Structures are given as structure tokens and as C-alpha cells.
Amino acid sequence: MGQKLPPVAVCTECGTYTNNGDMINKICSKRRGDKRCGGVFGSAINKHGDWEKCRYCDGAGSERGEECPSCQGTGWGYIRDGQRY
């Protein structure tokens, strides 16, 4: 089985990833307690400039049968211009 495709956007506030391209420039719907996240999904569609294989789960998206918290189960870690976030 090959590695999953990387997400296409990242929330500017909470860092949530999404694979839904329709969410780019839309408000994040994630909730923190009783408050909604105030961020917007920013485009991160450059596979080689925005993403790298998750170094914690080696791109599997899970560890010991549970979703990898570092990559949110995607198998990818968000980077931009070589900086890890």
C-alpha cells in the first residue's frame, strides 16, 4: 500500500489539516471547548515545499494502532520553506 496523499490546507489558528480542497480560505470548524476556532484554512498544496513524511510514524499515520498525533493520521508533517510546524 502506498503512502497517502498529503493534506491540501492547514488552519492558520489551530493547525488542523484537511484533505478537502473546498475548505481552502474557509473558516475552520474545529471547536476548543465551547469556542469555535477563529482560523482559516490556508492553502498547502505544494507537496515538496509544504509537506514531508511524518518523522514520528514514518508516514504510516498511526502508531501502535492509534492515530499519530503529530501528523493527525495523515502520514505527513507540515513544513514551509524547510521549517517544521
N, C-alpha and C. Protein backbone atom coordinates (compact mmCIF):
# COMPACT_ATOMS: atom_id res chain seq x y z
N MET A 1 0.85 -1.19 0.00
CA MET A 1 0.00 0.00 0.00
C MET A 1 0.88 1.24 0.00
N GLY A 2 0.61 2.20 -0.88
CA GLY A 2 1.41 3.40 -0.98
C GLY A 2 1.03 4.43 0.08
N GLN A 3 1.89 5.42 0.18
CA GLN A 3 1.63 6.48 1.15
C GLN A 3 0.45 7.32 0.71
N LYS A 4 -0.31 7.81 1.67
CA LYS A 4 -1.47 8.67 1.39
C LYS A 4 -1.00 9.97 0.77
N LEU A 5 -1.90 10.62 0.05
CA LEU A 5 -1.60 11.95 -0.48
C LEU A 5 -1.57 12.94 0.68
N PRO A 6 -0.73 13.97 0.58
CA PRO A 6 -0.69 14.95 1.68
C PRO A 6 -1.95 15.80 1.73
N PRO A 7 -2.25 16.36 2.90
CA PRO A 7 -3.37 17.30 3.00
C PRO A 7 -3.15 18.48 2.06
N VAL A 8 -4.19 19.27 1.85
CA VAL A 8 -4.11 20.40 0.92
C VAL A 8 -4.19 21.75 1.62
N ALA A 9 -4.53 21.74 2.92
CA ALA A 9 -4.66 23.01 3.64
C ALA A 9 -4.44 22.80 5.14
N VAL A 10 -4.04 23.89 5.79
CA VAL A 10 -3.77 23.89 7.23
C VAL A 10 -4.45 25.11 7.85
N CYS A 11 -5.11 24.92 8.99
CA CYS A 11 -5.74 26.03 9.68
C CYS A 11 -4.67 26.98 10.21
N THR A 12 -4.89 28.26 9.99
CA THR A 12 -3.93 29.28 10.41
C THR A 12 -3.91 29.49 11.92
N GLU A 13 -4.93 29.01 12.61
CA GLU A 13 -5.03 29.21 14.06
C GLU A 13 -4.66 27.94 14.84
N CYS A 14 -5.33 26.84 14.56
CA CYS A 14 -5.14 25.63 15.37
C CYS A 14 -4.24 24.58 14.73
N GLY A 15 -3.93 24.74 13.44
CA GLY A 15 -3.03 23.80 12.77
C GLY A 15 -3.68 22.53 12.27
N THR A 16 -5.01 22.45 12.29
CA THR A 16 -5.70 21.27 11.78
C THR A 16 -5.47 21.14 10.28
N TYR A 17 -5.22 19.91 9.82
CA TYR A 17 -5.04 19.63 8.39
C TYR A 17 -6.39 19.25 7.78
N THR A 18 -6.52 19.48 6.47
CA THR A 18 -7.68 18.98 5.74
C THR A 18 -7.24 18.51 4.35
N ASN A 19 -7.93 17.48 3.87
CA ASN A 19 -7.72 16.99 2.51
C ASN A 19 -8.78 17.53 1.56
N ASN A 20 -9.68 18.34 2.07
CA ASN A 20 -10.77 18.88 1.29
C ASN A 20 -10.37 20.23 0.69
N GLY A 21 -10.10 20.24 -0.59
CA GLY A 21 -9.68 21.46 -1.27
C GLY A 21 -10.73 22.57 -1.23
N ASP A 22 -11.99 22.21 -1.06
CA ASP A 22 -13.05 23.21 -0.97
C ASP A 22 -12.94 24.04 0.31
N MET A 23 -12.17 23.57 1.29
CA MET A 23 -12.03 24.28 2.56
C MET A 23 -10.98 25.40 2.52
N ILE A 24 -10.17 25.45 1.47
CA ILE A 24 -9.15 26.50 1.37
C ILE A 24 -9.83 27.86 1.41
N ASN A 25 -9.33 28.72 2.29
CA ASN A 25 -9.84 30.07 2.54
C ASN A 25 -11.19 30.10 3.27
N LYS A 26 -11.60 28.96 3.82
CA LYS A 26 -12.84 28.90 4.60
C LYS A 26 -12.50 28.81 6.09
N ILE A 27 -13.45 29.17 6.92
CA ILE A 27 -13.26 29.16 8.37
C ILE A 27 -13.19 27.73 8.89
N CYS A 28 -12.25 27.50 9.78
CA CYS A 28 -12.09 26.19 10.42
C CYS A 28 -13.29 25.94 11.33
N SER A 29 -13.77 24.71 11.32
CA SER A 29 -14.94 24.37 12.14
C SER A 29 -14.56 23.65 13.44
N LYS A 30 -13.27 23.48 13.68
CA LYS A 30 -12.86 22.78 14.90
C LYS A 30 -13.25 23.60 16.13
N ARG A 31 -13.62 22.90 17.18
CA ARG A 31 -14.02 23.57 18.42
C ARG A 31 -13.00 23.29 19.50
N ARG A 32 -12.76 24.29 20.32
CA ARG A 32 -11.93 24.18 21.52
C ARG A 32 -12.82 24.48 22.70
N GLY A 33 -13.26 23.42 23.36
CA GLY A 33 -14.22 23.63 24.44
C GLY A 33 -15.52 24.15 23.87
N ASP A 34 -15.96 25.30 24.37
CA ASP A 34 -17.22 25.87 23.89
C ASP A 34 -17.02 26.94 22.81
N LYS A 35 -15.76 27.12 22.37
CA LYS A 35 -15.48 28.14 21.36
C LYS A 35 -15.04 27.50 20.05
N ARG A 36 -15.45 28.15 18.98
CA ARG A 36 -15.05 27.71 17.64
C ARG A 36 -13.69 28.32 17.31
N CYS A 37 -12.86 27.56 16.63
CA CYS A 37 -11.56 28.07 16.20
C CYS A 37 -11.77 29.28 15.30
N GLY A 38 -10.95 30.29 15.44
CA GLY A 38 -11.08 31.50 14.64
C GLY A 38 -10.22 31.51 13.39
N GLY A 39 -9.56 30.39 13.10
CA GLY A 39 -8.65 30.34 11.96
C GLY A 39 -9.34 30.08 10.63
N VAL A 40 -8.53 30.16 9.58
CA VAL A 40 -8.96 29.94 8.21
C VAL A 40 -8.01 28.91 7.62
N PHE A 41 -8.53 28.02 6.77
CA PHE A 41 -7.66 27.04 6.13
C PHE A 41 -6.86 27.70 5.02
N GLY A 42 -5.54 27.71 5.19
CA GLY A 42 -4.64 28.26 4.19
C GLY A 42 -4.14 27.17 3.27
N SER A 43 -3.96 27.49 2.03
CA SER A 43 -3.51 26.53 1.03
C SER A 43 -2.13 25.98 1.38
N ALA A 44 -1.99 24.68 1.21
CA ALA A 44 -0.71 24.00 1.40
C ALA A 44 -0.65 22.86 0.38
N ILE A 45 -0.72 23.22 -0.89
CA ILE A 45 -0.84 22.22 -1.94
C ILE A 45 0.50 21.83 -2.58
N ASN A 46 1.58 22.43 -2.16
CA ASN A 46 2.89 22.12 -2.72
C ASN A 46 3.47 20.92 -1.98
N LYS A 47 3.35 19.75 -2.57
CA LYS A 47 3.79 18.51 -1.91
C LYS A 47 5.24 18.57 -1.46
N HIS A 48 6.10 19.20 -2.23
CA HIS A 48 7.53 19.21 -1.89
C HIS A 48 7.95 20.42 -1.07
N GLY A 49 7.16 21.46 -1.01
CA GLY A 49 7.52 22.64 -0.24
C GLY A 49 6.73 22.81 1.04
N ASP A 50 5.60 22.11 1.14
CA ASP A 50 4.72 22.26 2.30
C ASP A 50 4.70 21.03 3.20
N TRP A 51 5.09 19.86 2.68
CA TRP A 51 4.92 18.61 3.41
C TRP A 51 6.15 17.73 3.35
N GLU A 52 6.33 16.94 4.40
CA GLU A 52 7.32 15.87 4.40
C GLU A 52 6.73 14.68 5.14
N LYS A 53 7.24 13.51 4.83
CA LYS A 53 6.75 12.31 5.51
C LYS A 53 6.92 12.48 7.01
N CYS A 54 5.89 12.13 7.77
CA CYS A 54 5.93 12.29 9.23
C CYS A 54 7.10 11.51 9.80
N ARG A 55 7.91 12.19 10.56
CA ARG A 55 9.10 11.54 11.13
C ARG A 55 8.79 10.72 12.37
N TYR A 56 7.62 10.87 12.93
CA TYR A 56 7.26 10.12 14.14
C TYR A 56 6.65 8.76 13.81
N CYS A 57 5.81 8.69 12.78
CA CYS A 57 5.17 7.42 12.41
C CYS A 57 5.72 6.88 11.09
N ASP A 58 6.74 7.55 10.54
CA ASP A 58 7.36 7.16 9.28
C ASP A 58 6.35 7.10 8.13
N GLY A 59 5.37 8.01 8.18
CA GLY A 59 4.40 8.12 7.10
C GLY A 59 3.22 7.16 7.18
N ALA A 60 3.15 6.37 8.24
CA ALA A 60 2.06 5.39 8.38
C ALA A 60 0.75 6.04 8.80
N GLY A 61 0.81 7.13 9.54
CA GLY A 61 -0.40 7.80 10.02
C GLY A 61 -0.90 7.26 11.34
N SER A 62 -0.27 6.18 11.81
CA SER A 62 -0.68 5.62 13.10
C SER A 62 0.53 4.99 13.81
N GLU A 63 0.41 4.90 15.10
CA GLU A 63 1.41 4.26 15.93
C GLU A 63 0.69 3.37 16.94
N ARG A 64 1.11 2.12 16.99
CA ARG A 64 0.51 1.17 17.93
C ARG A 64 -1.02 1.12 17.82
N GLY A 65 -1.52 1.21 16.60
CA GLY A 65 -2.95 1.11 16.37
C GLY A 65 -3.74 2.37 16.63
N GLU A 66 -3.08 3.46 16.99
CA GLU A 66 -3.78 4.72 17.23
C GLU A 66 -3.28 5.79 16.27
N GLU A 67 -4.16 6.76 15.98
CA GLU A 67 -3.80 7.86 15.09
C GLU A 67 -2.58 8.59 15.62
N CYS A 68 -1.62 8.84 14.74
CA CYS A 68 -0.42 9.59 15.12
C CYS A 68 -0.82 11.04 15.42
N PRO A 69 -0.55 11.52 16.63
CA PRO A 69 -0.94 12.89 16.97
C PRO A 69 -0.11 13.95 16.24
N SER A 70 1.09 13.59 15.84
CA SER A 70 1.95 14.56 15.17
C SER A 70 1.44 14.93 13.78
N CYS A 71 0.96 13.92 13.05
CA CYS A 71 0.52 14.17 11.67
C CYS A 71 -0.99 14.10 11.50
N GLN A 72 -1.71 13.97 12.63
CA GLN A 72 -3.18 13.90 12.60
C GLN A 72 -3.68 12.74 11.75
N GLY A 73 -2.87 11.67 11.70
CA GLY A 73 -3.26 10.47 10.98
C GLY A 73 -3.06 10.53 9.48
N THR A 74 -2.42 11.60 8.99
CA THR A 74 -2.26 11.76 7.55
C THR A 74 -0.99 11.13 7.00
N GLY A 75 0.00 10.93 7.87
CA GLY A 75 1.29 10.42 7.41
C GLY A 75 2.23 11.53 6.95
N TRP A 76 1.78 12.78 7.08
CA TRP A 76 2.55 13.93 6.60
C TRP A 76 2.72 14.97 7.71
N GLY A 77 3.87 15.63 7.70
CA GLY A 77 4.13 16.74 8.61
C GLY A 77 4.21 18.03 7.82
N TYR A 78 3.57 19.06 8.33
CA TYR A 78 3.54 20.34 7.63
C TYR A 78 4.86 21.08 7.81
N ILE A 79 5.41 21.51 6.72
CA ILE A 79 6.62 22.35 6.71
C ILE A 79 6.35 23.46 5.70
N ARG A 80 7.09 24.50 5.81
CA ARG A 80 7.02 25.55 4.79
C ARG A 80 8.41 26.15 4.70
N ASP A 81 8.97 26.11 3.52
CA ASP A 81 10.32 26.62 3.30
C ASP A 81 11.34 25.98 4.24
N GLY A 82 11.16 24.67 4.47
CA GLY A 82 12.12 23.92 5.29
C GLY A 82 11.90 24.03 6.78
N GLN A 83 10.92 24.84 7.21
CA GLN A 83 10.64 24.98 8.64
C GLN A 83 9.53 24.02 9.04
N ARG A 84 9.72 23.33 10.15
CA ARG A 84 8.67 22.41 10.64
C ARG A 84 7.72 23.17 11.54
N TYR A 85 6.46 22.84 11.46
CA TYR A 85 5.44 23.48 12.30
C TYR A 85 4.76 22.47 13.15
